[in-house]
Amino acid sequence: MRRRGCCGHIVRLLCFALVAFTLWWLFEETDTGTAIVNRVERAWYPVSYRSYILDSAKRHDVDPMLVCAIIKTESNWDPDASSCAGAQGLMQLMPATAQELIREGYVDGNLYAVDDLSDPQTNIEFGCGFLDLAQQHFSSRNEVIASYNAGIAKTLEWDSSGEGSITEMAQEYPETASYIQRVDRALTHYQKLYTADLLAVS
C-alpha cells in the first residue's frame, strides 16, 4: 500500500510539473495574448528547411513565404509525401515536370537529380524552379499559384480567354479554385508569423 501511494504521489508531481511547464511555455513572452496565439499558429504553420528555402528562393527570385505556403498546402511539410498520380516530396513534384525544368535550364541537372525528389533540398530546388518558370508567364500571384496546381498550359488558356479573374476561371476546376484559396490562406499566416528571412516574429 505504501508503495502504491508513493507511486501515485510521483505521478501527481509529474503531472503538476507538466502543467507548470506548459503554462510557462505559453506565458513565457510578455504580450501573453498575442504570444499564445502566435505560438499555436506557428505550430500549425511551421518552417523547416529554412536555409534550403531561402537559398533556392533567392536563386529563382521567388517569395520564400510563398514557397512555405505551397509546401504547407502540398505536403504539410512531409518530405516523404507522395500522391496517387506520382507527385513526390515537400512540393509534390512530378518526375516529368522535374525533367522538363532541367531541359529548360531552370534547374541544374548536374547538381539535382530527378530520382531524388524525396530529398528536401532537391525537391525545394525543383519547386522553386517551377515557380520561376511560372513567373515568366504570369504577372499575378494567383496565376502562378493556379499554374502550380493545374499546369502552365491550362492556366495560360484561362488567362488568354479574358473572361474574368483567374479565380473565376478556375471554377471550371474546383480543385484549382480551392487550391488558390488554401495557398493564399497559408501565405497570409506565414506573412503574419515570420519575417522576410523566415525567422519567427517575436
Protein backbone atom coordinates (compact mmCIF):
# COMPACT_ATOMS: atom_id res chain seq x y z
CA MET A 1 0.00 0.00 0.00
CA ARG A 2 2.78 2.42 0.80
CA ARG A 3 4.49 1.72 -2.49
CA ARG A 4 1.27 2.34 -4.39
CA GLY A 5 0.77 5.61 -2.55
CA CYS A 6 4.32 6.64 -3.29
CA CYS A 7 3.83 5.91 -6.98
CA GLY A 8 0.62 7.91 -7.00
CA HIS A 9 2.41 10.84 -5.38
CA ILE A 10 5.15 10.70 -8.01
CA VAL A 11 2.57 10.63 -10.80
CA ARG A 12 0.84 13.68 -9.32
CA LEU A 13 4.14 15.53 -9.10
CA LEU A 14 4.94 14.69 -12.70
CA CYS A 15 1.52 15.89 -13.82
CA PHE A 16 1.97 19.11 -11.86
CA ALA A 17 5.40 19.63 -13.40
CA LEU A 18 3.96 19.06 -16.88
CA VAL A 19 1.18 21.57 -16.29
CA ALA A 20 3.65 24.08 -14.86
CA PHE A 21 5.96 23.67 -17.83
CA THR A 22 3.06 24.08 -20.26
CA LEU A 23 1.93 27.27 -18.55
CA TRP A 24 5.48 28.60 -18.53
CA TRP A 25 5.83 27.79 -22.23
CA LEU A 26 2.58 29.58 -23.06
CA PHE A 27 3.16 32.64 -20.91
CA GLU A 28 6.91 33.00 -21.40
CA GLU A 29 6.52 36.05 -23.63
CA THR A 30 5.31 39.30 -22.12
CA ASP A 31 2.45 40.01 -24.52
CA THR A 32 0.68 36.84 -23.43
CA GLY A 33 -2.42 37.01 -25.61
CA THR A 34 -0.55 37.53 -28.86
CA ALA A 35 2.23 35.21 -27.77
CA ILE A 36 -0.14 32.30 -27.19
CA VAL A 37 -1.93 32.79 -30.49
CA ASN A 38 1.35 33.11 -32.39
CA ARG A 39 2.82 30.01 -30.77
CA VAL A 40 -0.23 27.97 -31.67
CA GLU A 41 -0.28 29.33 -35.21
CA ARG A 42 3.43 28.69 -35.69
CA ALA A 43 2.88 25.10 -34.60
CA TRP A 44 0.26 24.81 -37.34
CA TYR A 45 2.27 26.81 -39.89
CA PRO A 46 5.88 25.81 -39.21
CA VAL A 47 9.04 26.49 -41.18
CA SER A 48 11.51 23.68 -41.79
CA TYR A 49 14.50 23.51 -44.15
CA ARG A 50 14.85 27.29 -43.83
CA SER A 51 18.29 27.51 -45.45
CA TYR A 52 17.21 25.40 -48.43
CA ILE A 53 14.13 27.54 -48.98
CA LEU A 54 15.98 30.84 -48.71
CA ASP A 55 18.78 29.64 -50.99
CA SER A 56 16.52 28.33 -53.77
CA ALA A 57 14.04 31.20 -53.46
CA LYS A 58 16.83 33.73 -53.87
CA ARG A 59 18.33 31.88 -56.84
CA HIS A 60 14.97 31.77 -58.61
CA ASP A 61 13.71 35.17 -57.43
CA VAL A 62 10.58 33.80 -55.78
CA ASP A 63 8.95 34.71 -52.48
CA PRO A 64 10.19 32.30 -49.77
CA MET A 65 6.90 32.71 -47.91
CA LEU A 66 5.03 31.57 -51.00
CA VAL A 67 7.31 28.54 -51.08
CA CYS A 68 6.37 27.81 -47.44
CA ALA A 69 2.67 28.24 -48.21
CA ILE A 70 2.88 25.81 -51.12
CA ILE A 71 4.80 23.25 -49.05
CA LYS A 72 2.20 23.53 -46.28
CA THR A 73 -0.62 23.05 -48.78
CA GLU A 74 1.00 20.34 -50.88
CA SER A 75 2.54 18.03 -48.28
CA ASN A 76 2.14 19.60 -44.84
CA TRP A 77 5.95 19.53 -44.61
CA ASP A 78 6.25 15.77 -45.16
CA PRO A 79 9.34 15.10 -47.33
CA ASP A 80 8.14 11.54 -47.96
CA ALA A 81 4.69 12.56 -49.20
CA SER A 82 3.54 11.06 -52.48
CA SER A 83 0.33 11.21 -54.47
CA CYS A 84 -1.50 8.53 -56.41
CA ALA A 85 -0.59 10.49 -59.55
CA GLY A 86 3.10 10.17 -58.75
CA ALA A 87 3.90 13.61 -57.32
CA GLN A 88 6.68 13.44 -54.76
CA GLY A 89 8.16 15.24 -51.78
CA LEU A 90 7.63 18.51 -49.98
CA MET A 91 6.42 20.45 -53.02
CA GLN A 92 4.83 17.44 -54.76
CA LEU A 93 6.82 17.47 -57.99
CA MET A 94 6.09 15.08 -60.83
CA PRO A 95 9.28 13.48 -62.20
CA ALA A 96 8.30 14.53 -65.73
CA THR A 97 7.95 18.14 -64.59
CA ALA A 98 11.32 18.00 -62.87
CA GLN A 99 12.91 16.63 -66.04
CA GLU A 100 11.36 19.45 -68.07
CA LEU A 101 12.77 22.03 -65.65
CA ILE A 102 16.23 20.61 -66.26
CA ARG A 103 15.74 20.69 -70.04
CA GLU A 104 14.54 24.29 -69.87
CA GLY A 105 17.55 25.30 -67.79
CA TYR A 106 15.65 26.23 -64.63
CA VAL A 107 17.36 23.54 -62.54
CA ASP A 108 20.94 22.31 -62.86
CA GLY A 109 20.69 18.60 -63.57
CA ASN A 110 24.33 18.13 -62.61
CA LEU A 111 23.51 19.19 -59.05
CA TYR A 112 19.93 17.99 -58.60
CA ALA A 113 18.63 14.59 -59.72
CA VAL A 114 15.07 13.83 -60.80
CA ASP A 115 15.19 10.48 -59.00
CA ASP A 116 16.00 12.23 -55.71
CA LEU A 117 12.76 14.18 -55.24
CA SER A 118 12.28 12.85 -51.71
CA ASP A 119 15.36 14.82 -50.67
CA PRO A 120 14.14 18.15 -49.21
CA GLN A 121 16.88 20.30 -50.75
CA THR A 122 16.38 18.76 -54.19
CA ASN A 123 12.61 18.98 -54.02
CA ILE A 124 12.65 22.61 -52.92
CA GLU A 125 15.04 23.48 -55.75
CA PHE A 126 12.73 21.93 -58.35
CA GLY A 127 9.67 23.55 -56.77
CA CYS A 128 11.30 26.97 -56.84
CA GLY A 129 12.41 26.29 -60.39
CA PHE A 130 8.79 25.71 -61.39
CA LEU A 131 7.69 28.92 -59.66
CA ASP A 132 10.46 30.73 -61.53
CA LEU A 133 9.16 29.33 -64.82
CA ALA A 134 5.58 30.24 -63.93
CA GLN A 135 6.61 33.81 -63.12
CA GLN A 136 7.95 34.16 -66.66
CA HIS A 137 4.42 33.52 -67.94
CA PHE A 138 2.18 35.18 -65.36
CA SER A 139 2.17 38.56 -63.66
CA SER A 140 -0.23 37.83 -60.81
CA ARG A 141 0.45 35.67 -57.79
CA ASN A 142 -2.83 33.79 -58.14
CA GLU A 143 -1.99 32.84 -61.71
CA VAL A 144 1.34 31.47 -60.52
CA ILE A 145 -0.42 29.53 -57.76
CA ALA A 146 -3.03 28.22 -60.20
CA SER A 147 -0.32 27.03 -62.57
CA TYR A 148 1.33 25.08 -59.77
CA ASN A 149 -1.88 23.08 -59.41
CA ALA A 150 -3.36 22.97 -62.92
CA GLY A 151 -0.24 23.40 -65.01
CA ILE A 152 1.08 26.29 -67.05
CA ALA A 153 -0.73 25.35 -70.28
CA LYS A 154 -4.18 25.26 -68.67
CA THR A 155 -3.54 28.49 -66.77
CA LEU A 156 -2.41 30.18 -69.99
CA GLU A 157 -5.67 29.03 -71.54
CA TRP A 158 -7.65 30.63 -68.72
CA ASP A 159 -5.52 33.75 -68.91
CA SER A 160 -5.93 34.20 -72.66
CA SER A 161 -9.72 33.87 -72.60
CA GLY A 162 -10.09 37.27 -70.92
CA GLU A 163 -13.29 36.20 -69.16
CA GLY A 164 -12.56 37.32 -65.62
CA SER A 165 -10.07 36.70 -62.86
CA ILE A 166 -8.03 33.54 -62.64
CA THR A 167 -10.05 32.55 -59.58
CA GLU A 168 -13.29 32.82 -61.56
CA MET A 169 -11.82 30.93 -64.49
CA ALA A 170 -10.64 28.20 -62.17
CA GLN A 171 -14.25 27.41 -61.27
CA GLU A 172 -14.06 25.04 -64.22
CA TYR A 173 -11.69 23.12 -61.97
CA PRO A 174 -12.97 23.43 -58.37
CA GLU A 175 -9.80 21.76 -57.12
CA THR A 176 -7.72 24.64 -58.50
CA ALA A 177 -10.07 27.28 -57.12
CA SER A 178 -9.83 25.64 -53.70
CA TYR A 179 -6.07 25.30 -54.07
CA ILE A 180 -5.64 29.03 -54.71
CA GLN A 181 -7.67 29.83 -51.60
CA ARG A 182 -5.74 27.39 -49.41
CA VAL A 183 -2.35 28.65 -50.55
CA ASP A 184 -3.45 32.27 -50.12
CA ARG A 185 -4.67 31.49 -46.60
CA ALA A 186 -1.41 29.77 -45.69
CA LEU A 187 0.57 32.65 -47.19
CA THR A 188 -1.34 35.14 -45.05
CA HIS A 189 -0.39 33.20 -41.93
CA TYR A 190 3.28 32.95 -42.92
CA GLN A 191 3.43 36.68 -43.64
CA LYS A 192 1.97 37.36 -40.20
CA LEU A 193 4.12 34.91 -38.24
CA TYR A 194 7.55 35.23 -39.86
CA THR A 195 9.99 37.85 -41.06
CA ALA A 196 11.18 38.00 -44.66
CA ASP A 197 14.08 35.68 -43.81
CA LEU A 198 11.67 33.17 -42.21
CA LEU A 199 12.51 33.91 -38.60
CA ALA A 200 9.65 33.85 -36.11
CA VAL A 201 8.09 37.22 -35.35
CA SER A 202 8.54 37.89 -31.65
